[in-house]
Amino acid sequence: MSQEVLDLVVEKVHGFLGEEVLAFEEPEPPAEEPEEEEKPARRKKPEPKVEKPADLNFGRPMIILDSKKWTLELAKMFRDDEELQFDFLSCVTGVDYEEHMEVIYNFYSTTKDHYLYVKVKTPRDNPSVVSVEPLWKAADYMERETYDLFGIDFPGHWNLRRILLQDDWEGHPLRKDYITDKKALGLD
């Protein structure tokens, strides 16, 4: 069932945005170093998993989009399309990678009983992802929490302000580049 949902979502996204949006090119394998007998045997680091822009993630459909492609109109299509009907937003969270940031939306269709994860990649220097709060009111507090802790902006959110930290708090504590003064916080 999940693969069928993924195929349907890919078809709908391609129809909505064009086929190049979820195109995927297989990366070239890394060149292997010649082995030298003098070097001690080391465990090779596992190669990082290359994410495909449309795949199953723990058996559930997942797509990856650039923040420039994530629009309120596309989100509305996910919610209102007769075959998809993702009427429930169960989670919004942020992730900070060293090279970019992501916002992950977990959608569920209560009428069709299927799931979809949407990962929206955004640059670290000015992270911004269009708010889905006008479509799913559940996004209100979740997008505010992501803004508060990661500093990701959500244009279109009606009340984007801190929710967990004090208004005068400097920075966003879940970012990898956040510097804490552990002594001042009594943690040292």
C-alpha atoms as a PDB file:
ATOM      1  CA  MET A   1       0.000   0.000   0.000  1.00  0.00           C
ATOM      2  CA  SER A   2       2.768   2.490   0.914  1.00  0.00           C
ATOM      3  CA  GLN A   3       4.553   2.088  -2.417  1.00  0.00           C
ATOM      4  CA  GLU A   4       1.265   2.777  -4.214  1.00  0.00           C
ATOM      5  CA  VAL A   5       0.778   5.943  -2.140  1.00  0.00           C
ATOM      6  CA  LEU A   6       4.358   7.034  -2.900  1.00  0.00           C
ATOM      7  CA  ASP A   7       3.820   6.445  -6.626  1.00  0.00           C
ATOM      8  CA  LEU A   8       0.557   8.421  -6.490  1.00  0.00           C
ATOM      9  CA  VAL A   9       2.209  11.308  -4.610  1.00  0.00           C
ATOM     10  CA  VAL A  10       5.113  11.389  -7.097  1.00  0.00           C
ATOM     11  CA  GLU A  11       2.648  11.422  -9.999  1.00  0.00           C
ATOM     12  CA  LYS A  12       0.665  14.275  -8.397  1.00  0.00           C
ATOM     13  CA  VAL A  13       3.801  16.325  -7.598  1.00  0.00           C
ATOM     14  CA  HIS A  14       5.147  15.818 -11.120  1.00  0.00           C
ATOM     15  CA  GLY A  15       1.794  16.911 -12.532  1.00  0.00           C
ATOM     16  CA  PHE A  16       1.757  19.944 -10.248  1.00  0.00           C
ATOM     17  CA  LEU A  17       5.402  21.089 -10.427  1.00  0.00           C
ATOM     18  CA  GLY A  18       6.981  19.212 -13.327  1.00  0.00           C
ATOM     19  CA  GLU A  19       8.945  16.001 -13.582  1.00  0.00           C
ATOM     20  CA  GLU A  20      12.352  17.490 -12.821  1.00  0.00           C
ATOM     21  CA  VAL A  21      11.329  18.286  -9.230  1.00  0.00           C
ATOM     22  CA  LEU A  22      11.757  14.741  -7.948  1.00  0.00           C
ATOM     23  CA  ALA A  23      14.372  13.661 -10.479  1.00  0.00           C
ATOM     24  CA  PHE A  24      17.243  11.670  -9.017  1.00  0.00           C
ATOM     25  CA  GLU A  25      20.709  10.993 -10.321  1.00  0.00           C
ATOM     26  CA  GLU A  26      22.701   8.132  -8.839  1.00  0.00           C
ATOM     27  CA  PRO A  27      25.968   9.499  -7.383  1.00  0.00           C
ATOM     28  CA  GLU A  28      29.215   8.133  -8.725  1.00  0.00           C
ATOM     29  CA  PRO A  29      30.859   5.620  -6.395  1.00  0.00           C
ATOM     30  CA  PRO A  30      33.909   6.967  -4.558  1.00  0.00           C
ATOM     31  CA  ALA A  31      37.286   6.006  -5.936  1.00  0.00           C
ATOM     32  CA  GLU A  32      38.857   3.256  -3.856  1.00  0.00           C
ATOM     33  CA  GLU A  33      42.274   3.820  -2.355  1.00  0.00           C
ATOM     34  CA  PRO A  34      44.890   1.181  -3.104  1.00  0.00           C
ATOM     35  CA  GLU A  35      45.546  -0.935  -0.048  1.00  0.00           C
ATOM     36  CA  GLU A  36      49.009  -0.839   1.438  1.00  0.00           C
ATOM     37  CA  GLU A  37      50.312  -3.728   3.474  1.00  0.00           C
ATOM     38  CA  GLU A  38      52.083  -1.381   5.879  1.00  0.00           C
ATOM     39  CA  LYS A  39      48.892   0.324   7.044  1.00  0.00           C
ATOM     40  CA  PRO A  40      47.078  -1.277   9.960  1.00  0.00           C
ATOM     41  CA  ALA A  41      43.669  -2.674   9.085  1.00  0.00           C
ATOM     42  CA  ARG A  42      40.995  -0.084   9.827  1.00  0.00           C
ATOM     43  CA  ARG A  43      37.307  -0.251   9.725  1.00  0.00           C
ATOM     44  CA  LYS A  44      36.002   1.656   6.801  1.00  0.00           C
ATOM     45  CA  LYS A  45      33.533   4.352   7.614  1.00  0.00           C
ATOM     46  CA  PRO A  46      30.142   3.441   6.261  1.00  0.00           C
ATOM     47  CA  GLU A  47      29.214   5.562   3.267  1.00  0.00           C
ATOM     48  CA  PRO A  48      26.494   8.072   4.106  1.00  0.00           C
ATOM     49  CA  LYS A  49      23.103   6.986   2.852  1.00  0.00           C
ATOM     50  CA  VAL A  50      22.086   8.987  -0.187  1.00  0.00           C
ATOM     51  CA  GLU A  51      18.491  10.048   0.166  1.00  0.00           C
ATOM     52  CA  LYS A  52      16.308   9.724  -2.851  1.00  0.00           C
ATOM     53  CA  PRO A  53      13.810  12.540  -3.405  1.00  0.00           C
ATOM     54  CA  ALA A  54      10.970   9.991  -3.340  1.00  0.00           C
ATOM     55  CA  ASP A  55      11.367   6.822  -1.315  1.00  0.00           C
ATOM     56  CA  LEU A  56       9.921   4.741   1.482  1.00  0.00           C
ATOM     57  CA  ASN A  57      11.162   5.776   4.915  1.00  0.00           C
ATOM     58  CA  PHE A  58      10.562   3.005   7.450  1.00  0.00           C
ATOM     59  CA  GLY A  59       7.834   1.733   5.134  1.00  0.00           C
ATOM     60  CA  ARG A  60       6.115   5.115   4.789  1.00  0.00           C
ATOM     61  CA  PRO A  61       6.146   7.344   1.693  1.00  0.00           C
ATOM     62  CA  MET A  62       8.549  10.290   1.861  1.00  0.00           C
ATOM     63  CA  ILE A  63       9.411  13.027  -0.606  1.00  0.00           C
ATOM     64  CA  ILE A  64      12.158  15.651  -0.417  1.00  0.00           C
ATOM     65  CA  LEU A  65      11.627  19.130  -1.852  1.00  0.00           C
ATOM     66  CA  ASP A  66      13.632  22.312  -2.019  1.00  0.00           C
ATOM     67  CA  SER A  67      12.064  25.199  -0.087  1.00  0.00           C
ATOM     68  CA  LYS A  68      11.622  27.095  -3.377  1.00  0.00           C
ATOM     69  CA  LYS A  69       9.278  24.326  -4.570  1.00  0.00           C
ATOM     70  CA  TRP A  70       7.297  24.072  -1.317  1.00  0.00           C
ATOM     71  CA  THR A  71       4.303  26.369  -1.724  1.00  0.00           C
ATOM     72  CA  LEU A  72       0.965  26.805  -0.042  1.00  0.00           C
ATOM     73  CA  GLU A  73      -0.656  25.705  -3.312  1.00  0.00           C
ATOM     74  CA  LEU A  74       1.263  22.400  -3.304  1.00  0.00           C
ATOM     75  CA  ALA A  75       0.363  21.813   0.359  1.00  0.00           C
ATOM     76  CA  LYS A  76      -3.280  22.584  -0.470  1.00  0.00           C
ATOM     77  CA  MET A  77      -3.121  19.985  -3.255  1.00  0.00           C
ATOM     78  CA  PHE A  78      -1.927  17.389  -0.706  1.00  0.00           C
ATOM     79  CA  ARG A  79      -4.867  18.261   1.529  1.00  0.00           C
ATOM     80  CA  ASP A  80      -7.635  18.669  -1.072  1.00  0.00           C
ATOM     81  CA  ASP A  81      -6.769  16.161  -3.807  1.00  0.00           C
ATOM     82  CA  GLU A  82      -9.467  13.493  -3.887  1.00  0.00           C
ATOM     83  CA  GLU A  83      -6.977  10.612  -4.025  1.00  0.00           C
ATOM     84  CA  LEU A  84      -4.607  11.963  -1.347  1.00  0.00           C
ATOM     85  CA  GLN A  85      -6.735  13.811   1.256  1.00  0.00           C
ATOM     86  CA  PHE A  86      -3.970  14.465   3.798  1.00  0.00           C
ATOM     87  CA  ASP A  87      -6.343  16.130   6.229  1.00  0.00           C
ATOM     88  CA  PHE A  88      -4.279  15.663   9.398  1.00  0.00           C
ATOM     89  CA  LEU A  89      -0.870  17.194  10.148  1.00  0.00           C
ATOM     90  CA  SER A  90       0.557  15.195  13.042  1.00  0.00           C
ATOM     91  CA  CYS A  91       4.043  16.673  13.363  1.00  0.00           C
ATOM     92  CA  VAL A  92       6.304  19.471  12.146  1.00  0.00           C
ATOM     93  CA  THR A  93       9.934  19.405  13.169  1.00  0.00           C
ATOM     94  CA  GLY A  94      13.254  20.892  12.157  1.00  0.00           C
ATOM     95  CA  VAL A  95      16.662  19.333  11.601  1.00  0.00           C
ATOM     96  CA  ASP A  96      19.979  21.149  11.368  1.00  0.00           C
ATOM     97  CA  TYR A  97      22.596  19.581   9.151  1.00  0.00           C
ATOM     98  CA  GLU A  98      25.902  21.305   8.658  1.00  0.00           C
ATOM     99  CA  GLU A  99      25.203  22.022   4.988  1.00  0.00           C
ATOM    100  CA  HIS A 100      21.464  22.822   5.158  1.00  0.00           C
ATOM    101  CA  MET A 101      18.378  22.720   7.368  1.00  0.00           C
ATOM    102  CA  GLU A 102      15.155  20.774   6.930  1.00  0.00           C
ATOM    103  CA  VAL A 103      11.560  21.012   8.018  1.00  0.00           C
ATOM    104  CA  ILE A 104       9.763  17.674   8.110  1.00  0.00           C
ATOM    105  CA  TYR A 105       5.982  17.472   7.854  1.00  0.00           C
ATOM    106  CA  ASN A 106       4.158  14.264   8.838  1.00  0.00           C
ATOM    107  CA  PHE A 107       0.783  14.032   7.122  1.00  0.00           C
ATOM    108  CA  TYR A 108      -1.976  11.473   7.536  1.00  0.00           C
ATOM    109  CA  SER A 109      -5.224  10.905   5.680  1.00  0.00           C
ATOM    110  CA  THR A 110      -7.966   9.958   8.106  1.00  0.00           C
ATOM    111  CA  THR A 111     -10.276   9.009   5.242  1.00  0.00           C
ATOM    112  CA  LYS A 112      -7.785   7.033   3.125  1.00  0.00           C
ATOM    113  CA  ASP A 113      -5.630   5.716   6.004  1.00  0.00           C
ATOM    114  CA  HIS A 114      -2.241   6.567   4.497  1.00  0.00           C
ATOM    115  CA  TYR A 115       0.786   8.621   5.503  1.00  0.00           C
ATOM    116  CA  LEU A 116       3.262  10.980   3.870  1.00  0.00           C
ATOM    117  CA  TYR A 117       6.479  12.547   5.107  1.00  0.00           C
ATOM    118  CA  VAL A 118       7.553  15.721   3.317  1.00  0.00           C
ATOM    119  CA  LYS A 119      11.106  16.944   3.926  1.00  0.00           C
ATOM    120  CA  VAL A 120      11.671  20.541   2.855  1.00  0.00           C
ATOM    121  CA  LYS A 121      15.336  21.526   2.513  1.00  0.00           C
ATOM    122  CA  THR A 122      16.324  25.139   3.110  1.00  0.00           C
ATOM    123  CA  PRO A 123      19.708  26.913   3.198  1.00  0.00           C
ATOM    124  CA  ARG A 124      21.348  27.439   6.610  1.00  0.00           C
ATOM    125  CA  ASP A 125      22.213  31.095   6.046  1.00  0.00           C
ATOM    126  CA  ASN A 126      18.601  32.255   5.701  1.00  0.00           C
ATOM    127  CA  PRO A 127      16.322  29.282   6.473  1.00  0.00           C
ATOM    128  CA  SER A 128      12.774  29.881   5.299  1.00  0.00           C
ATOM    129  CA  VAL A 129       9.877  27.509   4.541  1.00  0.00           C
ATOM    130  CA  VAL A 130       6.356  28.617   3.627  1.00  0.00           C
ATOM    131  CA  SER A 131       3.960  28.137   6.532  1.00  0.00           C
ATOM    132  CA  VAL A 132       1.156  25.592   6.250  1.00  0.00           C
ATOM    133  CA  GLU A 133      -0.656  27.070   9.260  1.00  0.00           C
ATOM    134  CA  PRO A 134      -3.372  28.607   7.030  1.00  0.00           C
ATOM    135  CA  LEU A 135      -4.275  25.055   5.885  1.00  0.00           C
ATOM    136  CA  TRP A 136      -3.629  22.966   9.019  1.00  0.00           C
ATOM    137  CA  LYS A 137      -4.170  24.885  12.270  1.00  0.00           C
ATOM    138  CA  ALA A 138      -2.117  22.225  14.073  1.00  0.00           C
ATOM    139  CA  ALA A 139       0.968  23.773  12.436  1.00  0.00           C
ATOM    140  CA  ASP A 140       0.569  26.919  14.550  1.00  0.00           C
ATOM    141  CA  TYR A 141       2.500  25.847  17.654  1.00  0.00           C
ATOM    142  CA  MET A 142       4.731  23.334  15.832  1.00  0.00           C
ATOM    143  CA  GLU A 143       6.055  25.932  13.366  1.00  0.00           C
ATOM    144  CA  ARG A 144       6.541  28.410  16.230  1.00  0.00           C
ATOM    145  CA  GLU A 145       8.558  25.802  18.144  1.00  0.00           C
ATOM    146  CA  THR A 146      10.697  25.097  15.071  1.00  0.00           C
ATOM    147  CA  TYR A 147      11.233  28.836  14.610  1.00  0.00           C
ATOM    148  CA  ASP A 148      12.114  29.292  18.277  1.00  0.00           C
ATOM    149  CA  LEU A 149      14.615  26.431  18.510  1.00  0.00           C
ATOM    150  CA  PHE A 150      16.098  26.370  14.975  1.00  0.00           C
ATOM    151  CA  GLY A 151      15.533  29.897  13.659  1.00  0.00           C
ATOM    152  CA  ILE A 152      13.667  28.728  10.552  1.00  0.00           C
ATOM    153  CA  ASP A 153      11.323  31.426   9.264  1.00  0.00           C
ATOM    154  CA  PHE A 154       7.779  30.498   8.192  1.00  0.00           C
ATOM    155  CA  PRO A 155       6.430  33.252   5.917  1.00  0.00           C
ATOM    156  CA  GLY A 156       2.632  33.299   5.995  1.00  0.00           C
ATOM    157  CA  HIS A 157       2.380  32.252   9.655  1.00  0.00           C
ATOM    158  CA  TRP A 158      -0.054  34.567  11.424  1.00  0.00           C
ATOM    159  CA  ASN A 159       1.876  34.820  14.713  1.00  0.00           C
ATOM    160  CA  LEU A 160       5.474  33.677  14.290  1.00  0.00           C
ATOM    161  CA  ARG A 161       7.163  34.470  17.595  1.00  0.00           C
ATOM    162  CA  ARG A 162       8.942  32.576  20.330  1.00  0.00           C
ATOM    163  CA  ILE A 163       6.890  29.970  22.136  1.00  0.00           C
ATOM    164  CA  LEU A 164       9.306  28.169  24.494  1.00  0.00           C
ATOM    165  CA  LEU A 165      12.030  30.714  25.194  1.00  0.00           C
ATOM    166  CA  GLN A 166      11.861  34.244  26.536  1.00  0.00           C
ATOM    167  CA  ASP A 167      11.336  36.975  23.939  1.00  0.00           C
ATOM    168  CA  ASP A 168      14.782  38.456  24.639  1.00  0.00           C
ATOM    169  CA  TRP A 169      16.612  35.096  24.260  1.00  0.00           C
ATOM    170  CA  GLU A 170      19.497  35.385  21.804  1.00  0.00           C
ATOM    171  CA  GLY A 171      19.925  32.707  19.158  1.00  0.00           C
ATOM    172  CA  HIS A 172      18.259  29.375  18.549  1.00  0.00           C
ATOM    173  CA  PRO A 173      19.532  26.609  20.848  1.00  0.00           C
ATOM    174  CA  LEU A 174      19.037  23.546  18.602  1.00  0.00           C
ATOM    175  CA  ARG A 175      21.210  24.933  15.816  1.00  0.00           C
ATOM    176  CA  LYS A 176      24.613  23.281  15.519  1.00  0.00           C
ATOM    177  CA  ASP A 177      26.317  26.689  15.479  1.00  0.00           C
ATOM    178  CA  TYR A 178      24.636  27.831  18.723  1.00  0.00           C
ATOM    179  CA  ILE A 179      27.178  28.727  21.398  1.00  0.00           C
ATOM    180  CA  THR A 180      26.176  28.252  25.007  1.00  0.00           C
ATOM    181  CA  ASP A 181      27.743  29.790  28.048  1.00  0.00           C
ATOM    182  CA  LYS A 182      27.446  26.700  30.257  1.00  0.00           C
ATOM    183  CA  LYS A 183      28.879  28.502  33.263  1.00  0.00           C
ATOM    184  CA  ALA A 184      26.288  31.279  33.057  1.00  0.00           C
ATOM    185  CA  LEU A 185      23.544  28.667  32.795  1.00  0.00           C
ATOM    186  CA  GLY A 186      24.885  26.780  35.819  1.00  0.00           C
ATOM    187  CA  LEU A 187      25.741  23.713  33.722  1.00  0.00           C
ATOM    188  CA  ASP A 188      29.519  23.745  34.172  1.00  0.00           C
END
